[in-house]
């Protein structure tokens, strides 16, 4: 059965303690399987880098709006919810030292009794990398080395690791994850390098496509499976999950092609095609700027579509 999640209001005017708590608790009560928090550390006033996750290719949160910290939000929600999974979509690895962020992640996993999904990526905004003094051109190699080190951090008692970017000698890192053998690592990113990284390190490939057909998603996943096989892994160990923006319209519109916009009936039928690709988990980002209307669509979708989709 495919699981469905919904993005949290962690940024913009709606971001507040009460809104965040209510959003997670209502998603849990409505039958969603997960809630997702995006990751951002700083927002430059001027951004020249093309944003790959909106139709306009420009970043959607103005710099004069709040943007809560991802892991802090999920730690807070671990104590406000009981069963719903808590996901990052996605944490930018090169911004943080792995000894620091991995301890926070395992703490959230322990406090939530195994409900954290670790979505990871290499990042995209060159200006943010500059502000963080992080190596933009080497972000893929930095991320790969973190994921290699992560295996030891979450499984060994005496940890020694010597790489190009990180070096540790006989250290202990506790707690280990609540989930066994470790936290699920869902590798974000849409291109060939992300697909290779997912095949080598991931428990799932977890892209966020603004525009994609089910056939295109399936083709990308086949590349991931081929990369897993090249890495000596069982391709079946790497699952397919994804995030999709969705716009619900009052009435039927043109047939849906590569962007998920249409009536509830149209969107539901299209999502069945994504389920047919083998996608185990779909995070939905309802693309309505005004939060009250977004909340209404999240509730309507849950009441009128979730049961049908989970049964398909």
Protein backbone atom coordinates (compact mmCIF):
# COMPACT_ATOMS: atom_id res chain seq x y z
CA UNK A 1 0.00 0.00 0.00
CA UNK A 2 1.37 3.39 -0.97
CA UNK A 3 1.66 5.89 1.87
CA UNK A 4 0.86 9.59 1.56
CA UNK A 5 2.32 12.56 3.36
CA UNK A 6 1.76 16.29 3.41
CA UNK A 7 4.14 19.22 3.76
CA UNK A 8 4.14 21.27 6.95
CA UNK A 9 3.83 25.09 7.18
CA UNK A 10 7.42 25.62 8.34
CA UNK A 11 7.90 28.86 6.41
CA UNK A 12 6.03 32.00 5.47
CA UNK A 13 3.39 33.93 7.35
CA UNK A 14 1.64 30.75 8.54
CA UNK A 15 4.71 29.44 10.37
CA UNK A 16 4.05 29.44 14.12
CA UNK A 17 4.06 27.05 17.05
CA UNK A 18 0.31 26.54 17.07
CA UNK A 19 -0.06 26.24 13.29
CA UNK A 20 2.75 23.70 13.09
CA UNK A 21 1.35 21.61 15.93
CA UNK A 22 -2.19 21.72 14.59
CA UNK A 23 -1.07 20.86 11.08
CA UNK A 24 0.75 17.73 12.24
CA UNK A 25 -1.99 16.60 14.59
CA UNK A 26 -4.70 17.16 11.98
CA UNK A 27 -2.68 15.29 9.34
CA UNK A 28 -2.36 12.39 11.76
CA UNK A 29 -6.10 12.43 12.52
CA UNK A 30 -7.00 12.67 8.81
CA UNK A 31 -5.08 9.50 7.96
CA UNK A 32 -1.93 10.89 6.34
CA UNK A 33 1.09 8.70 6.95
CA UNK A 34 3.73 11.41 7.20
CA UNK A 35 4.42 15.11 7.52
CA UNK A 36 7.37 16.76 5.78
CA UNK A 37 9.57 19.73 6.61
CA UNK A 38 11.70 21.49 4.02
CA UNK A 39 15.26 22.60 4.83
CA UNK A 40 16.73 26.10 4.63
CA UNK A 41 19.35 27.78 6.81
CA UNK A 42 19.59 31.26 5.27
CA UNK A 43 17.76 33.11 2.51
CA UNK A 44 19.88 35.64 0.63
CA UNK A 45 18.17 38.89 -0.38
CA UNK A 46 19.38 38.34 -3.94
CA UNK A 47 19.31 34.83 -5.44
CA UNK A 48 20.72 34.29 -8.89
CA UNK A 49 20.71 30.51 -8.77
CA UNK A 50 17.83 28.92 -10.67
CA UNK A 51 15.37 27.27 -8.29
CA UNK A 52 14.45 23.81 -9.61
CA UNK A 53 11.34 23.26 -7.49
CA UNK A 54 8.81 25.81 -8.72
CA UNK A 55 7.14 26.44 -12.06
CA UNK A 56 8.63 29.94 -12.18
CA UNK A 57 12.17 28.66 -11.34
CA UNK A 58 12.47 31.27 -8.57
CA UNK A 59 12.62 30.64 -4.82
CA UNK A 60 9.16 30.86 -3.31
CA UNK A 61 9.84 32.07 0.27
CA UNK A 62 10.78 35.78 0.53
CA UNK A 63 13.76 36.61 2.78
CA UNK A 64 11.56 38.70 5.09
CA UNK A 65 9.45 35.66 6.04
CA UNK A 66 10.32 33.16 8.80
CA UNK A 67 11.72 29.75 7.91
CA UNK A 68 11.87 27.34 10.85
CA UNK A 69 14.74 24.90 11.32
CA UNK A 70 13.84 21.46 9.97
CA UNK A 71 15.10 19.20 12.71
CA UNK A 72 13.94 21.50 15.50
CA UNK A 73 10.40 21.37 14.06
CA UNK A 74 10.45 17.58 13.84
CA UNK A 75 11.80 17.24 17.38
CA UNK A 76 8.95 19.46 18.59
CA UNK A 77 6.40 17.41 16.66
CA UNK A 78 7.77 14.15 18.03
CA UNK A 79 6.21 15.19 21.32
CA UNK A 80 2.97 16.49 19.77
CA UNK A 81 2.06 13.40 17.73
CA UNK A 82 1.85 9.66 18.30
CA UNK A 83 1.99 7.64 15.09
CA UNK A 84 2.63 9.82 12.05
CA UNK A 85 6.08 9.63 10.43
CA UNK A 86 8.27 12.73 10.54
CA UNK A 87 10.21 13.46 7.37
CA UNK A 88 12.89 15.83 6.07
CA UNK A 89 12.53 16.87 2.45
CA UNK A 90 15.42 17.17 2.28
CA UNK A 91 18.30 18.00 4.60
CA UNK A 92 21.24 19.57 2.76
CA UNK A 93 24.20 17.47 3.91
CA UNK A 94 27.15 19.79 3.12
CA UNK A 95 25.80 22.56 5.39
CA UNK A 96 26.30 20.52 8.57
CA UNK A 97 28.97 18.39 10.19
CA UNK A 98 27.83 14.75 10.24
CA UNK A 99 28.85 14.20 13.87
CA UNK A 100 26.48 16.99 14.85
CA UNK A 101 23.45 16.42 12.64
CA UNK A 102 23.50 12.62 12.97
CA UNK A 103 23.24 12.91 16.75
CA UNK A 104 20.24 15.23 16.40
CA UNK A 105 18.62 12.83 13.93
CA UNK A 106 19.07 9.80 16.17
CA UNK A 107 17.76 11.77 19.14
CA UNK A 108 14.59 12.63 17.21
CA UNK A 109 14.29 8.99 16.16
CA UNK A 110 14.59 7.87 19.77
CA UNK A 111 12.15 10.45 21.11
CA UNK A 112 9.61 9.68 18.39
CA UNK A 113 10.07 5.90 18.88
CA UNK A 114 11.26 5.31 15.34
CA UNK A 115 9.18 7.71 13.23
CA UNK A 116 11.89 9.77 11.53
CA UNK A 117 12.55 9.53 7.77
CA UNK A 118 15.87 11.04 6.83
CA UNK A 119 15.58 12.66 3.42
CA UNK A 120 18.99 13.95 2.30
CA UNK A 121 20.30 15.98 -0.61
CA UNK A 122 23.32 17.94 -1.81
CA UNK A 123 21.67 21.36 -2.15
CA UNK A 124 21.20 23.77 -5.04
CA UNK A 125 21.51 27.44 -3.94
CA UNK A 126 25.03 28.70 -4.60
CA UNK A 127 24.49 31.87 -2.54
CA UNK A 128 23.49 29.85 0.51
CA UNK A 129 26.60 27.68 0.16
CA UNK A 130 28.71 30.87 0.11
CA UNK A 131 27.01 32.14 3.27
CA UNK A 132 27.61 28.80 5.01
CA UNK A 133 31.24 28.66 3.79
CA UNK A 134 30.42 25.26 2.31
CA UNK A 135 32.03 23.95 -0.91
CA UNK A 136 29.43 24.25 -3.65
CA UNK A 137 31.41 22.52 -6.41
CA UNK A 138 32.34 19.63 -4.12
CA UNK A 139 28.92 19.22 -2.54
CA UNK A 140 28.34 15.81 -4.11
CA UNK A 141 31.66 14.39 -2.90
CA UNK A 142 31.14 15.86 0.57
CA UNK A 143 27.68 14.29 0.74
CA UNK A 144 28.95 10.88 -0.41
CA UNK A 145 31.62 10.91 2.27
CA UNK A 146 29.06 11.81 4.93
CA UNK A 147 26.84 8.91 3.87
CA UNK A 148 29.84 6.55 4.02
CA UNK A 149 30.73 7.75 7.53
CA UNK A 150 27.09 7.50 8.57
CA UNK A 151 27.14 3.71 8.28
CA UNK A 152 29.79 3.55 10.99
CA UNK A 153 28.25 6.23 13.19
CA UNK A 154 25.01 4.30 13.43
CA UNK A 155 26.37 0.78 13.78
CA UNK A 156 29.79 0.68 15.47
CA UNK A 157 30.91 1.27 19.05
CA UNK A 158 34.50 2.27 18.23
CA UNK A 159 34.44 4.57 15.20
CA UNK A 160 37.53 5.40 13.18
CA UNK A 161 37.22 7.05 9.79
CA UNK A 162 39.70 8.84 7.56
CA UNK A 163 38.41 10.59 4.45
CA UNK A 164 39.13 13.73 2.48
CA UNK A 165 36.69 15.89 4.44
CA UNK A 166 36.16 14.10 7.76
CA UNK A 167 38.56 12.33 10.12
CA UNK A 168 37.78 10.71 13.46
CA UNK A 169 39.79 8.34 15.65
CA UNK A 170 38.19 5.86 18.04
CA UNK A 171 35.14 7.85 19.07
CA UNK A 172 31.78 6.76 20.47
CA UNK A 173 28.52 8.17 19.18
CA UNK A 174 25.34 7.44 21.13
CA UNK A 175 22.43 7.04 20.97
CA UNK A 176 22.11 4.80 17.95
CA UNK A 177 18.85 5.05 15.99
CA UNK A 178 15.66 3.59 17.45
CA UNK A 179 14.89 2.01 14.06
CA UNK A 180 16.90 -1.08 13.21
CA UNK A 181 19.29 -1.59 11.63
CA UNK A 182 19.30 2.21 11.25
CA UNK A 183 17.32 5.22 10.13
CA UNK A 184 15.95 4.99 6.58
CA UNK A 185 18.02 7.17 4.24
CA UNK A 186 15.98 8.56 1.34
CA UNK A 187 18.22 10.24 -1.20
CA UNK A 188 16.75 13.29 -2.90
CA UNK A 189 17.70 14.81 -6.23
CA UNK A 190 16.47 14.22 -9.73
CA UNK A 191 19.50 13.89 -12.05
CA UNK A 192 21.94 11.12 -12.86
CA UNK A 193 24.30 11.88 -9.97
CA UNK A 194 21.44 11.80 -7.47
CA UNK A 195 20.24 8.54 -8.98
CA UNK A 196 23.73 7.09 -8.61
CA UNK A 197 23.89 8.27 -4.99
CA UNK A 198 20.51 6.70 -4.26
CA UNK A 199 21.64 3.42 -5.78
CA UNK A 200 24.86 3.40 -3.79
CA UNK A 201 23.67 4.64 -0.39
CA UNK A 202 19.89 4.99 -0.24
CA UNK A 203 17.03 2.98 1.12
CA UNK A 204 14.89 4.93 -1.34
CA UNK A 205 15.23 7.37 -4.21
CA UNK A 206 13.24 10.43 -3.16
CA UNK A 207 13.07 13.08 -5.91
CA UNK A 208 10.92 16.19 -5.93
CA UNK A 209 9.72 16.72 -9.48
CA UNK A 210 7.74 19.84 -10.30
CA UNK A 211 6.88 18.30 -13.65
CA UNK A 212 7.09 14.58 -14.31
CA UNK A 213 5.01 11.82 -15.86
CA UNK A 214 4.67 8.42 -14.22
CA UNK A 215 6.65 6.96 -17.12
CA UNK A 216 9.53 9.42 -16.57
CA UNK A 217 9.59 8.66 -12.85
CA UNK A 218 9.69 4.93 -13.55
CA UNK A 219 12.55 5.39 -16.03
CA UNK A 220 14.56 7.30 -13.46
CA UNK A 221 13.95 4.59 -10.91
CA UNK A 222 15.26 1.97 -13.33
CA UNK A 223 18.48 3.99 -13.49
CA UNK A 224 18.63 3.94 -9.68
CA UNK A 225 18.22 0.17 -9.64
CA UNK A 226 20.98 -0.19 -12.24
CA UNK A 227 23.29 1.95 -10.10
CA UNK A 228 22.50 -0.20 -7.06
CA UNK A 229 23.46 -3.29 -9.01
CA UNK A 230 26.73 -1.66 -10.11
CA UNK A 231 27.47 -0.93 -6.44
CA UNK A 232 27.00 -4.59 -5.56
CA UNK A 233 23.65 -4.06 -3.85
CA UNK A 234 20.35 -5.83 -4.31
CA UNK A 235 18.28 -3.35 -6.39
CA UNK A 236 15.16 -4.39 -4.47
CA UNK A 237 16.72 -2.82 -1.36
CA UNK A 238 16.26 0.64 -2.89
CA UNK A 239 12.61 1.71 -2.98
CA UNK A 240 10.90 4.50 -4.89
CA UNK A 241 9.34 7.46 -3.11
CA UNK A 242 8.75 11.00 -4.33
CA UNK A 243 7.39 14.46 -3.57
CA UNK A 244 4.94 16.16 -5.90
CA UNK A 245 3.39 19.64 -5.92
CA UNK A 246 -0.36 19.55 -6.36
CA UNK A 247 -2.93 22.18 -7.32
CA UNK A 248 -6.59 21.28 -6.89
CA UNK A 249 -9.08 23.11 -9.10
CA UNK A 250 -12.85 23.37 -8.48
CA UNK A 251 -13.68 21.68 -11.79
CA UNK A 252 -12.06 19.41 -14.34
CA UNK A 253 -9.36 21.13 -16.34
CA UNK A 254 -7.21 20.03 -19.28
CA UNK A 255 -5.86 16.48 -19.05
CA UNK A 256 -2.94 16.25 -16.65
CA UNK A 257 0.37 15.80 -18.44
CA UNK A 258 3.52 16.44 -16.38
CA UNK A 259 2.20 18.78 -13.64
CA UNK A 260 -0.29 17.64 -11.02
CA UNK A 261 -3.03 20.22 -11.49
CA UNK A 262 -6.72 19.48 -11.88
CA UNK A 263 -9.90 18.53 -10.08
CA UNK A 264 -9.80 16.10 -7.19
CA UNK A 265 -10.98 13.37 -9.55
CA UNK A 266 -8.26 14.14 -12.10
CA UNK A 267 -5.50 14.31 -9.48
CA UNK A 268 -6.67 11.07 -7.87
CA UNK A 269 -6.64 9.20 -11.17
CA UNK A 270 -3.19 10.53 -11.97
CA UNK A 271 -1.83 9.52 -8.57
CA UNK A 272 -3.02 5.98 -9.23
CA UNK A 273 -0.62 5.94 -12.18
CA UNK A 274 2.24 6.96 -9.88
CA UNK A 275 1.23 4.19 -7.49
CA UNK A 276 1.43 1.75 -10.39
CA UNK A 277 5.12 2.62 -10.87
CA UNK A 278 5.82 1.01 -7.50
CA UNK A 279 6.08 4.26 -5.55
CA UNK A 280 5.85 3.37 -1.85
CA UNK A 281 5.41 6.88 -0.45
CA UNK A 282 4.28 10.19 -1.97
CA UNK A 283 4.70 13.53 -0.21
CA UNK A 284 2.19 16.11 -1.45
CA UNK A 285 2.85 19.83 -1.34
CA UNK A 286 -0.42 21.70 -1.84
CA UNK A 287 0.57 24.81 -3.79
CA UNK A 288 -1.75 27.44 -2.36
CA UNK A 289 0.03 30.43 -0.77
CA UNK A 290 -2.83 31.32 1.58
CA UNK A 291 -2.70 28.78 4.41
CA UNK A 292 -6.43 28.62 5.32
CA UNK A 293 -7.28 27.52 1.77
CA UNK A 294 -4.34 25.12 1.73
CA UNK A 295 -5.59 23.58 4.96
CA UNK A 296 -9.05 23.11 3.42
CA UNK A 297 -7.57 21.30 0.41
CA UNK A 298 -5.46 19.04 2.63
CA UNK A 299 -8.58 18.08 4.58
CA UNK A 300 -10.72 17.59 1.48
CA UNK A 301 -8.11 15.43 -0.20
CA UNK A 302 -7.84 13.24 2.90
CA UNK A 303 -11.59 12.77 3.26
CA UNK A 304 -12.39 12.22 -0.42
CA UNK A 305 -9.29 10.60 -1.94
CA UNK A 306 -6.96 8.96 0.58
CA UNK A 307 -8.99 5.81 1.21
CA UNK A 308 -9.44 5.20 -2.50
CA UNK A 309 -5.75 5.72 -3.22
CA UNK A 310 -4.57 3.50 -0.39
CA UNK A 311 -6.86 0.76 -1.63
CA UNK A 312 -5.65 0.96 -5.21
